[in-house]
């Protein structure tokens, strides 16, 4: 006869079933995360790290692990993968206490989104723990950590130390892992050399483009300077005093005087003569801007 469920695990199991239905059938990911959080909270904080360790094979630990697995999948579906690790650690407190299945999902998730550095310290802490070394999943998780975290980040020395210091693998397995690390190191070196060569080729091309643009800009500025100098010479030769006087007299005629009045005719005649003199001075060859090469 199977053992009777305690109130906490029984409630958590019911919430786990609801969360799985919401995730798979209804595709309501936010509600699934809420059910998972409620289920983990119903299990309580536990009695510390030792309490969590001794419950790995019990229904309590299995339900808690399953709730976290469903929650991770729901968060990933909502593109909230950045919250996954912190969300899981609030229920397991330290990386060493993570169940193997939860750690595996986290490594695969952050590798898929190309953020393997998130799991660098977490995976290292879990693999260094002496209790975790006795778990049957230790070898597969170490390989997963090597392939999806250390090698993509170029941590080849750390990978070699981890393989050589692991007593779970026999000599053949260690040689196979070391060969994989060596191949990955060679590929990394080739990619770095190709990237450096591409950057060196881009630098002369960029300098050539910038040089051509600078030359064009310098030519345009020279032409603009010549045009401004020519205009300044032209305007400098204009009879400013006569033009200003004519403008002022025109203002007096239009605003202050009545053109129809007989007394204003001599004044208007003088104004017309002054405008003719100013206009002739502007258009005379003497005041034309000099032609320069």
C-alpha atoms as a PDB file:
ATOM      1  CA  UNK A   1       0.000   0.000   0.000  1.00  0.00           C
ATOM      2  CA  UNK A   2       1.514   3.371  -0.975  1.00  0.00           C
ATOM      3  CA  UNK A   3       2.184   5.783   1.871  1.00  0.00           C
ATOM      4  CA  UNK A   4      -0.419   8.452   2.542  1.00  0.00           C
ATOM      5  CA  UNK A   5       0.364  11.960   1.346  1.00  0.00           C
ATOM      6  CA  UNK A   6       1.099  14.622   3.935  1.00  0.00           C
ATOM      7  CA  UNK A   7      -1.038  17.778   3.689  1.00  0.00           C
ATOM      8  CA  UNK A   8       1.801  19.824   2.209  1.00  0.00           C
ATOM      9  CA  UNK A   9       2.898  17.378  -0.514  1.00  0.00           C
ATOM     10  CA  UNK A  10      -0.718  16.521  -1.325  1.00  0.00           C
ATOM     11  CA  UNK A  11      -1.583  20.161  -1.973  1.00  0.00           C
ATOM     12  CA  UNK A  12       1.635  20.628  -3.948  1.00  0.00           C
ATOM     13  CA  UNK A  13       0.845  17.560  -6.081  1.00  0.00           C
ATOM     14  CA  UNK A  14      -2.591  18.956  -6.910  1.00  0.00           C
ATOM     15  CA  UNK A  15      -1.063  22.304  -7.857  1.00  0.00           C
ATOM     16  CA  UNK A  16       1.527  20.471  -9.970  1.00  0.00           C
ATOM     17  CA  UNK A  17      -1.217  18.766 -11.942  1.00  0.00           C
ATOM     18  CA  UNK A  18      -2.989  22.083 -12.514  1.00  0.00           C
ATOM     19  CA  UNK A  19       0.255  23.743 -13.595  1.00  0.00           C
ATOM     20  CA  UNK A  20       1.022  20.960 -16.077  1.00  0.00           C
ATOM     21  CA  UNK A  21      -2.466  21.258 -17.609  1.00  0.00           C
ATOM     22  CA  UNK A  22      -2.121  25.032 -17.885  1.00  0.00           C
ATOM     23  CA  UNK A  23       1.280  24.659 -19.522  1.00  0.00           C
ATOM     24  CA  UNK A  24       0.509  21.896 -22.028  1.00  0.00           C
ATOM     25  CA  UNK A  25      -3.229  22.109 -22.715  1.00  0.00           C
ATOM     26  CA  UNK A  26      -4.252  25.720 -22.119  1.00  0.00           C
ATOM     27  CA  UNK A  27      -0.905  27.390 -22.876  1.00  0.00           C
ATOM     28  CA  UNK A  28      -1.518  29.778 -19.993  1.00  0.00           C
ATOM     29  CA  UNK A  29       2.087  30.167 -18.926  1.00  0.00           C
ATOM     30  CA  UNK A  30       1.595  32.937 -16.368  1.00  0.00           C
ATOM     31  CA  UNK A  31      -1.034  30.901 -14.522  1.00  0.00           C
ATOM     32  CA  UNK A  32       1.239  27.851 -14.660  1.00  0.00           C
ATOM     33  CA  UNK A  33       4.037  29.803 -12.969  1.00  0.00           C
ATOM     34  CA  UNK A  34       1.622  30.968 -10.274  1.00  0.00           C
ATOM     35  CA  UNK A  35       0.563  27.366  -9.558  1.00  0.00           C
ATOM     36  CA  UNK A  36       4.193  26.277  -9.362  1.00  0.00           C
ATOM     37  CA  UNK A  37       5.042  29.052  -6.923  1.00  0.00           C
ATOM     38  CA  UNK A  38       2.033  28.207  -4.774  1.00  0.00           C
ATOM     39  CA  UNK A  39       3.020  24.532  -4.777  1.00  0.00           C
ATOM     40  CA  UNK A  40       6.622  25.247  -3.752  1.00  0.00           C
ATOM     41  CA  UNK A  41       5.431  27.601  -1.018  1.00  0.00           C
ATOM     42  CA  UNK A  42       3.061  24.936   0.322  1.00  0.00           C
ATOM     43  CA  UNK A  43       6.010  22.574   0.801  1.00  0.00           C
ATOM     44  CA  UNK A  44       7.656  25.016   3.173  1.00  0.00           C
ATOM     45  CA  UNK A  45      11.280  26.126   3.404  1.00  0.00           C
ATOM     46  CA  UNK A  46      12.438  22.776   4.812  1.00  0.00           C
ATOM     47  CA  UNK A  47      14.870  22.250   7.617  1.00  0.00           C
ATOM     48  CA  UNK A  48      18.039  23.411   5.886  1.00  0.00           C
ATOM     49  CA  UNK A  49      20.455  21.903   3.391  1.00  0.00           C
ATOM     50  CA  UNK A  50      20.611  18.522   5.110  1.00  0.00           C
ATOM     51  CA  UNK A  51      16.862  18.278   4.995  1.00  0.00           C
ATOM     52  CA  UNK A  52      16.805  18.957   1.255  1.00  0.00           C
ATOM     53  CA  UNK A  53      19.540  16.367   0.594  1.00  0.00           C
ATOM     54  CA  UNK A  54      17.846  13.502   2.388  1.00  0.00           C
ATOM     55  CA  UNK A  55      14.620  14.160   0.524  1.00  0.00           C
ATOM     56  CA  UNK A  56      15.983  13.795  -3.025  1.00  0.00           C
ATOM     57  CA  UNK A  57      14.378  10.354  -3.408  1.00  0.00           C
ATOM     58  CA  UNK A  58      11.161  11.095  -1.540  1.00  0.00           C
ATOM     59  CA  UNK A  59       7.837  12.224  -2.887  1.00  0.00           C
ATOM     60  CA  UNK A  60       8.424  15.625  -1.291  1.00  0.00           C
ATOM     61  CA  UNK A  61      11.577  16.251  -3.314  1.00  0.00           C
ATOM     62  CA  UNK A  62      10.123  14.804  -6.499  1.00  0.00           C
ATOM     63  CA  UNK A  63       7.071  17.060  -6.358  1.00  0.00           C
ATOM     64  CA  UNK A  64       9.223  20.110  -5.656  1.00  0.00           C
ATOM     65  CA  UNK A  65      11.556  19.277  -8.527  1.00  0.00           C
ATOM     66  CA  UNK A  66       8.636  18.715 -10.902  1.00  0.00           C
ATOM     67  CA  UNK A  67       7.111  22.051  -9.919  1.00  0.00           C
ATOM     68  CA  UNK A  68      10.398  23.790 -10.719  1.00  0.00           C
ATOM     69  CA  UNK A  69      10.678  21.994 -14.058  1.00  0.00           C
ATOM     70  CA  UNK A  70       7.202  23.105 -15.098  1.00  0.00           C
ATOM     71  CA  UNK A  71       7.939  26.633 -13.879  1.00  0.00           C
ATOM     72  CA  UNK A  72      11.174  26.801 -15.886  1.00  0.00           C
ATOM     73  CA  UNK A  73       9.373  25.727 -19.052  1.00  0.00           C
ATOM     74  CA  UNK A  74       6.588  28.271 -18.486  1.00  0.00           C
ATOM     75  CA  UNK A  75       9.060  31.117 -17.894  1.00  0.00           C
ATOM     76  CA  UNK A  76      10.982  30.152 -21.025  1.00  0.00           C
ATOM     77  CA  UNK A  77       7.777  30.176 -23.074  1.00  0.00           C
ATOM     78  CA  UNK A  78       7.099  33.736 -21.892  1.00  0.00           C
ATOM     79  CA  UNK A  79      10.667  34.757 -22.857  1.00  0.00           C
ATOM     80  CA  UNK A  80      11.444  35.396 -19.198  1.00  0.00           C
ATOM     81  CA  UNK A  81      14.521  33.187 -19.244  1.00  0.00           C
ATOM     82  CA  UNK A  82      16.594  35.796 -17.392  1.00  0.00           C
ATOM     83  CA  UNK A  83      14.502  35.121 -14.290  1.00  0.00           C
ATOM     84  CA  UNK A  84      14.861  31.340 -14.349  1.00  0.00           C
ATOM     85  CA  UNK A  85      17.996  30.912 -12.247  1.00  0.00           C
ATOM     86  CA  UNK A  86      16.991  33.387  -9.540  1.00  0.00           C
ATOM     87  CA  UNK A  87      13.475  31.933  -9.511  1.00  0.00           C
ATOM     88  CA  UNK A  88      14.807  28.423  -8.907  1.00  0.00           C
ATOM     89  CA  UNK A  89      17.360  29.445  -6.294  1.00  0.00           C
ATOM     90  CA  UNK A  90      14.699  31.055  -4.133  1.00  0.00           C
ATOM     91  CA  UNK A  91      13.413  27.530  -3.450  1.00  0.00           C
ATOM     92  CA  UNK A  92      16.775  25.702  -3.259  1.00  0.00           C
ATOM     93  CA  UNK A  93      18.807  28.565  -1.759  1.00  0.00           C
ATOM     94  CA  UNK A  94      22.271  27.462  -3.021  1.00  0.00           C
ATOM     95  CA  UNK A  95      23.420  25.933  -6.351  1.00  0.00           C
ATOM     96  CA  UNK A  96      24.737  22.769  -4.661  1.00  0.00           C
ATOM     97  CA  UNK A  97      21.189  21.775  -3.665  1.00  0.00           C
ATOM     98  CA  UNK A  98      19.696  21.946  -7.153  1.00  0.00           C
ATOM     99  CA  UNK A  99      18.268  18.629  -8.378  1.00  0.00           C
ATOM    100  CA  UNK A 100      20.093  17.193 -11.430  1.00  0.00           C
ATOM    101  CA  UNK A 101      17.059  17.659 -13.674  1.00  0.00           C
ATOM    102  CA  UNK A 102      16.714  21.326 -12.745  1.00  0.00           C
ATOM    103  CA  UNK A 103      20.420  21.966 -13.289  1.00  0.00           C
ATOM    104  CA  UNK A 104      20.259  20.236 -16.664  1.00  0.00           C
ATOM    105  CA  UNK A 105      17.347  22.380 -17.824  1.00  0.00           C
ATOM    106  CA  UNK A 106      19.088  25.569 -16.696  1.00  0.00           C
ATOM    107  CA  UNK A 107      22.295  24.695 -18.558  1.00  0.00           C
ATOM    108  CA  UNK A 108      20.415  23.849 -21.758  1.00  0.00           C
ATOM    109  CA  UNK A 109      18.222  26.957 -21.526  1.00  0.00           C
ATOM    110  CA  UNK A 110      21.059  29.446 -21.065  1.00  0.00           C
ATOM    111  CA  UNK A 111      23.099  27.693 -23.735  1.00  0.00           C
ATOM    112  CA  UNK A 112      20.203  28.014 -26.184  1.00  0.00           C
ATOM    113  CA  UNK A 113      19.871  31.756 -25.577  1.00  0.00           C
ATOM    114  CA  UNK A 114      23.681  32.091 -25.886  1.00  0.00           C
ATOM    115  CA  UNK A 115      24.236  33.170 -22.309  1.00  0.00           C
ATOM    116  CA  UNK A 116      26.323  30.248 -20.969  1.00  0.00           C
ATOM    117  CA  UNK A 117      28.276  32.487 -18.593  1.00  0.00           C
ATOM    118  CA  UNK A 118      25.213  32.620 -16.339  1.00  0.00           C
ATOM    119  CA  UNK A 119      25.742  28.972 -15.427  1.00  0.00           C
ATOM    120  CA  UNK A 120      29.527  29.169 -15.066  1.00  0.00           C
ATOM    121  CA  UNK A 121      29.708  29.578 -11.281  1.00  0.00           C
ATOM    122  CA  UNK A 122      26.505  27.654 -10.591  1.00  0.00           C
ATOM    123  CA  UNK A 123      27.650  24.575 -12.489  1.00  0.00           C
ATOM    124  CA  UNK A 124      31.125  24.721 -10.992  1.00  0.00           C
ATOM    125  CA  UNK A 125      29.731  24.882  -7.443  1.00  0.00           C
ATOM    126  CA  UNK A 126      27.402  21.971  -8.089  1.00  0.00           C
ATOM    127  CA  UNK A 127      30.102  19.768  -9.625  1.00  0.00           C
ATOM    128  CA  UNK A 128      32.620  20.470  -6.831  1.00  0.00           C
ATOM    129  CA  UNK A 129      30.182  19.323  -4.168  1.00  0.00           C
ATOM    130  CA  UNK A 130      31.161  15.938  -2.703  1.00  0.00           C
ATOM    131  CA  UNK A 131      27.587  14.754  -2.166  1.00  0.00           C
ATOM    132  CA  UNK A 132      26.662  15.426  -5.796  1.00  0.00           C
ATOM    133  CA  UNK A 133      29.595  13.277  -6.965  1.00  0.00           C
ATOM    134  CA  UNK A 134      27.741  10.210  -5.693  1.00  0.00           C
ATOM    135  CA  UNK A 135      24.663  10.887  -7.818  1.00  0.00           C
ATOM    136  CA  UNK A 136      24.207   8.730 -10.949  1.00  0.00           C
ATOM    137  CA  UNK A 137      23.578  11.846 -13.077  1.00  0.00           C
ATOM    138  CA  UNK A 138      26.937  13.404 -12.159  1.00  0.00           C
ATOM    139  CA  UNK A 139      28.822  12.171 -15.245  1.00  0.00           C
ATOM    140  CA  UNK A 140      26.198  13.307 -17.729  1.00  0.00           C
ATOM    141  CA  UNK A 141      25.924  16.722 -16.055  1.00  0.00           C
ATOM    142  CA  UNK A 142      29.697  17.162 -16.096  1.00  0.00           C
ATOM    143  CA  UNK A 143      29.736  16.419 -19.827  1.00  0.00           C
ATOM    144  CA  UNK A 144      26.840  18.822 -20.362  1.00  0.00           C
ATOM    145  CA  UNK A 145      28.662  21.522 -18.413  1.00  0.00           C
ATOM    146  CA  UNK A 146      31.807  21.020 -20.484  1.00  0.00           C
ATOM    147  CA  UNK A 147      30.092  21.086 -23.866  1.00  0.00           C
ATOM    148  CA  UNK A 148      27.571  23.877 -23.253  1.00  0.00           C
ATOM    149  CA  UNK A 149      29.349  26.162 -20.763  1.00  0.00           C
ATOM    150  CA  UNK A 150      33.136  25.828 -20.535  1.00  0.00           C
ATOM    151  CA  UNK A 151      34.022  25.175 -24.170  1.00  0.00           C
ATOM    152  CA  UNK A 152      31.795  27.923 -25.679  1.00  0.00           C
ATOM    153  CA  UNK A 153      33.389  30.386 -23.242  1.00  0.00           C
ATOM    154  CA  UNK A 154      36.937  29.288 -24.096  1.00  0.00           C
ATOM    155  CA  UNK A 155      37.655  27.955 -20.578  1.00  0.00           C
ATOM    156  CA  UNK A 156      39.891  25.147 -21.845  1.00  0.00           C
ATOM    157  CA  UNK A 157      42.266  24.991 -18.880  1.00  0.00           C
ATOM    158  CA  UNK A 158      39.379  24.771 -16.437  1.00  0.00           C
ATOM    159  CA  UNK A 159      37.789  22.052 -18.545  1.00  0.00           C
ATOM    160  CA  UNK A 160      41.006  19.997 -18.535  1.00  0.00           C
ATOM    161  CA  UNK A 161      41.379  20.380 -14.769  1.00  0.00           C
ATOM    162  CA  UNK A 162      37.786  19.318 -14.226  1.00  0.00           C
ATOM    163  CA  UNK A 163      38.163  16.207 -16.381  1.00  0.00           C
ATOM    164  CA  UNK A 164      41.509  15.166 -14.888  1.00  0.00           C
ATOM    165  CA  UNK A 165      40.259  15.699 -11.340  1.00  0.00           C
ATOM    166  CA  UNK A 166      37.072  13.691 -11.855  1.00  0.00           C
ATOM    167  CA  UNK A 167      37.183  10.132 -10.514  1.00  0.00           C
ATOM    168  CA  UNK A 168      33.861   9.217 -12.126  1.00  0.00           C
ATOM    169  CA  UNK A 169      35.399   8.744 -15.586  1.00  0.00           C
ATOM    170  CA  UNK A 170      37.797   5.987 -16.482  1.00  0.00           C
ATOM    171  CA  UNK A 171      40.958   6.588 -18.507  1.00  0.00           C
ATOM    172  CA  UNK A 172      39.254   6.091 -21.870  1.00  0.00           C
ATOM    173  CA  UNK A 173      36.515   8.556 -21.063  1.00  0.00           C
ATOM    174  CA  UNK A 174      39.061  11.084 -19.839  1.00  0.00           C
ATOM    175  CA  UNK A 175      41.053  10.735 -23.052  1.00  0.00           C
ATOM    176  CA  UNK A 176      37.895  11.206 -25.106  1.00  0.00           C
ATOM    177  CA  UNK A 177      36.999  14.386 -23.204  1.00  0.00           C
ATOM    178  CA  UNK A 178      40.554  15.703 -23.460  1.00  0.00           C
ATOM    179  CA  UNK A 179      40.490  15.088 -27.219  1.00  0.00           C
ATOM    180  CA  UNK A 180      37.219  17.021 -27.482  1.00  0.00           C
ATOM    181  CA  UNK A 181      38.738  19.887 -25.499  1.00  0.00           C
ATOM    182  CA  UNK A 182      41.800  19.934 -27.776  1.00  0.00           C
ATOM    183  CA  UNK A 183      39.652  20.054 -30.921  1.00  0.00           C
ATOM    184  CA  UNK A 184      37.562  22.856 -29.471  1.00  0.00           C
ATOM    185  CA  UNK A 185      40.724  24.786 -28.568  1.00  0.00           C
ATOM    186  CA  UNK A 186      42.029  24.473 -32.155  1.00  0.00           C
ATOM    187  CA  UNK A 187      38.705  25.693 -33.583  1.00  0.00           C
ATOM    188  CA  UNK A 188      38.692  28.605 -31.132  1.00  0.00           C
ATOM    189  CA  UNK A 189      42.232  29.578 -32.166  1.00  0.00           C
ATOM    190  CA  UNK A 190      41.365  29.429 -35.863  1.00  0.00           C
ATOM    191  CA  UNK A 191      38.282  31.593 -35.346  1.00  0.00           C
ATOM    192  CA  UNK A 192      40.314  34.152 -33.412  1.00  0.00           C
ATOM    193  CA  UNK A 193      42.934  34.274 -36.185  1.00  0.00           C
ATOM    194  CA  UNK A 194      40.247  34.703 -38.855  1.00  0.00           C
ATOM    195  CA  UNK A 195      38.593  37.444 -36.822  1.00  0.00           C
ATOM    196  CA  UNK A 196      41.902  39.258 -36.380  1.00  0.00           C
ATOM    197  CA  UNK A 197      42.674  38.978 -40.095  1.00  0.00           C
ATOM    198  CA  UNK A 198      39.229  40.347 -40.988  1.00  0.00           C
ATOM    199  CA  UNK A 199      39.719  43.306 -38.636  1.00  0.00           C
ATOM    200  CA  UNK A 200      43.133  44.044 -40.158  1.00  0.00           C
ATOM    201  CA  UNK A 201      41.612  44.030 -43.646  1.00  0.00           C
ATOM    202  CA  UNK A 202      38.815  46.348 -42.587  1.00  0.00           C
ATOM    203  CA  UNK A 203      41.175  48.942 -41.074  1.00  0.00           C
ATOM    204  CA  UNK A 204      42.927  49.963 -44.360  1.00  0.00           C
ATOM    205  CA  UNK A 205      39.590  50.079 -46.172  1.00  0.00           C
ATOM    206  CA  UNK A 206      38.159  52.287 -43.451  1.00  0.00           C
ATOM    207  CA  UNK A 207      41.186  54.559 -43.554  1.00  0.00           C
ATOM    208  CA  UNK A 208      40.885  54.831 -47.359  1.00  0.00           C
ATOM    209  CA  UNK A 209      37.212  55.797 -47.145  1.00  0.00           C
ATOM    210  CA  UNK A 210      37.884  58.337 -44.401  1.00  0.00           C
ATOM    211  CA  UNK A 211      40.781  59.781 -46.405  1.00  0.00           C
ATOM    212  CA  UNK A 212      38.615  60.235 -49.490  1.00  0.00           C
ATOM    213  CA  UNK A 213      35.854  61.856 -47.454  1.00  0.00           C
ATOM    214  CA  UNK A 214      38.348  64.168 -45.782  1.00  0.00           C
ATOM    215  CA  UNK A 215      39.763  65.220 -49.159  1.00  0.00           C
ATOM    216  CA  UNK A 216      36.291  65.959 -50.536  1.00  0.00           C
ATOM    217  CA  UNK A 217      35.377  67.938 -47.450  1.00  0.00           C
ATOM    218  CA  UNK A 218      38.607  69.941 -47.693  1.00  0.00           C
ATOM    219  CA  UNK A 219      37.932  70.763 -51.362  1.00  0.00           C
ATOM    220  CA  UNK A 220      34.371  71.912 -50.580  1.00  0.00           C
ATOM    221  CA  UNK A 221      35.590  74.115 -47.744  1.00  0.00           C
ATOM    222  CA  UNK A 222      38.228  75.686 -50.024  1.00  0.00           C
ATOM    223  CA  UNK A 223      35.625  76.501 -52.683  1.00  0.00           C
ATOM    224  CA  UNK A 224      33.282  77.907 -50.063  1.00  0.00           C
ATOM    225  CA  UNK A 225      36.051  80.096 -48.669  1.00  0.00           C
ATOM    226  CA  UNK A 226      36.816  81.480 -52.143  1.00  0.00           C
ATOM    227  CA  UNK A 227      33.140  82.226 -52.776  1.00  0.00           C
ATOM    228  CA  UNK A 228      32.764  84.019 -49.449  1.00  0.00           C
ATOM    229  CA  UNK A 229      35.909  86.048 -50.097  1.00  0.00           C
ATOM    230  CA  UNK A 230      34.637  87.082 -53.538  1.00  0.00           C
ATOM    231  CA  UNK A 231      31.255  88.090 -52.129  1.00  0.00           C
ATOM    232  CA  UNK A 232      32.881  90.045 -49.328  1.00  0.00           C
ATOM    233  CA  UNK A 233      35.059  91.945 -51.826  1.00  0.00           C
ATOM    234  CA  UNK A 234      32.007  92.712 -53.939  1.00  0.00           C
ATOM    235  CA  UNK A 235      29.922  93.975 -51.051  1.00  0.00           C
ATOM    236  CA  UNK A 236      32.810  95.914 -49.665  1.00  0.00           C
ATOM    237  CA  UNK A 237      32.979  98.000 -52.874  1.00  0.00           C
ATOM    238  CA  UNK A 238      29.278  98.910 -52.828  1.00  0.00           C
ATOM    239  CA  UNK A 239      28.407 102.514 -51.895  1.00  0.00           C
ATOM    240  CA  UNK A 240      26.848 101.748 -48.541  1.00  0.00           C
ATOM    241  CA  UNK A 241      26.356 105.346 -47.500  1.00  0.00           C
ATOM    242  CA  UNK A 242      24.420 106.230 -50.640  1.00  0.00           C
ATOM    243  CA  UNK A 243      22.304 103.113 -50.444  1.00  0.00           C
ATOM    244  CA  UNK A 244      21.427 103.733 -46.814  1.00  0.00           C
ATOM    245  CA  UNK A 245      20.617 107.367 -47.534  1.00  0.00           C
ATOM    246  CA  UNK A 246      18.390 106.384 -50.459  1.00  0.00           C
ATOM    247  CA  UNK A 247      16.577 103.815 -48.325  1.00  0.00           C
ATOM    248  CA  UNK A 248      15.962 106.379 -45.599  1.00  0.00           C
ATOM    249  CA  UNK A 249      14.651 108.963 -48.076  1.00  0.00           C
ATOM    250  CA  UNK A 250      12.354 106.367 -49.605  1.00  0.00           C
ATOM    251  CA  UNK A 251      10.981 105.661 -46.144  1.00  0.00           C
ATOM    252  CA  UNK A 252      10.280 109.372 -45.641  1.00  0.00           C
ATOM    253  CA  UNK A 253       8.495 109.628 -49.004  1.00  0.00           C
ATOM    254  CA  UNK A 254       6.280 106.592 -48.481  1.00  0.00           C
ATOM    255  CA  UNK A 255       5.506 107.027 -44.803  1.00  0.00           C
ATOM    256  CA  UNK A 256       5.920 110.705 -43.978  1.00  0.00           C
ATOM    257  CA  UNK A 257       5.241 112.610 -47.238  1.00  0.00           C
ATOM    258  CA  UNK A 258       2.321 112.729 -49.593  1.00  0.00           C
ATOM    259  CA  UNK A 259       3.550 112.072 -53.168  1.00  0.00           C
ATOM    260  CA  UNK A 260       0.523 113.926 -54.553  1.00  0.00           C
ATOM    261  CA  UNK A 261       1.457 117.117 -52.761  1.00  0.00           C
ATOM    262  CA  UNK A 262       3.201 119.772 -54.981  1.00  0.00           C
ATOM    263  CA  UNK A 263       5.642 120.603 -52.192  1.00  0.00           C
ATOM    264  CA  UNK A 264       7.044 117.072 -52.229  1.00  0.00           C
ATOM    265  CA  UNK A 265       7.886 117.022 -55.981  1.00  0.00           C
ATOM    266  CA  UNK A 266      11.380 118.583 -55.721  1.00  0.00           C
ATOM    267  CA  UNK A 267      12.255 116.182 -52.910  1.00  0.00           C
ATOM    268  CA  UNK A 268      11.082 113.172 -54.913  1.00  0.00           C
ATOM    269  CA  UNK A 269      13.076 114.373 -57.947  1.00  0.00           C
ATOM    270  CA  UNK A 270      16.261 114.528 -55.864  1.00  0.00           C
ATOM    271  CA  UNK A 271      15.531 111.055 -54.470  1.00  0.00           C
ATOM    272  CA  UNK A 272      15.204 109.627 -58.005  1.00  0.00           C
ATOM    273  CA  UNK A 273      18.505 111.184 -59.017  1.00  0.00           C
ATOM    274  CA  UNK A 274      20.181 109.699 -55.934  1.00  0.00           C
ATOM    275  CA  UNK A 275      18.853 106.210 -56.761  1.00  0.00           C
ATOM    276  CA  UNK A 276      20.137 106.502 -60.328  1.00  0.00           C
ATOM    277  CA  UNK A 277      23.600 107.428 -59.121  1.00  0.00           C
ATOM    278  CA  UNK A 278      23.674 104.544 -56.617  1.00  0.00           C
ATOM    279  CA  UNK A 279      22.444 102.066 -59.236  1.00  0.00           C
ATOM    280  CA  UNK A 280      25.048 103.230 -61.748  1.00  0.00           C
ATOM    281  CA  UNK A 281      27.746 102.896 -59.100  1.00  0.00           C
ATOM    282  CA  UNK A 282      26.707  99.315 -58.298  1.00  0.00           C
ATOM    283  CA  UNK A 283      26.629  98.178 -61.932  1.00  0.00           C
ATOM    284  CA  UNK A 284      29.743 100.013 -63.058  1.00  0.00           C
ATOM    285  CA  UNK A 285      32.796  97.925 -64.017  1.00  0.00           C
ATOM    286  CA  UNK A 286      34.797  99.422 -61.171  1.00  0.00           C
ATOM    287  CA  UNK A 287      32.611  97.759 -58.530  1.00  0.00           C
ATOM    288  CA  UNK A 288      32.377  94.386 -60.190  1.00  0.00           C
ATOM    289  CA  UNK A 289      34.170  91.604 -58.227  1.00  0.00           C
ATOM    290  CA  UNK A 290      37.616  90.783 -59.620  1.00  0.00           C
ATOM    291  CA  UNK A 291      38.052  87.483 -61.465  1.00  0.00           C
ATOM    292  CA  UNK A 292      40.610  85.210 -59.857  1.00  0.00           C
ATOM    293  CA  UNK A 293      41.998  81.831 -60.809  1.00  0.00           C
END
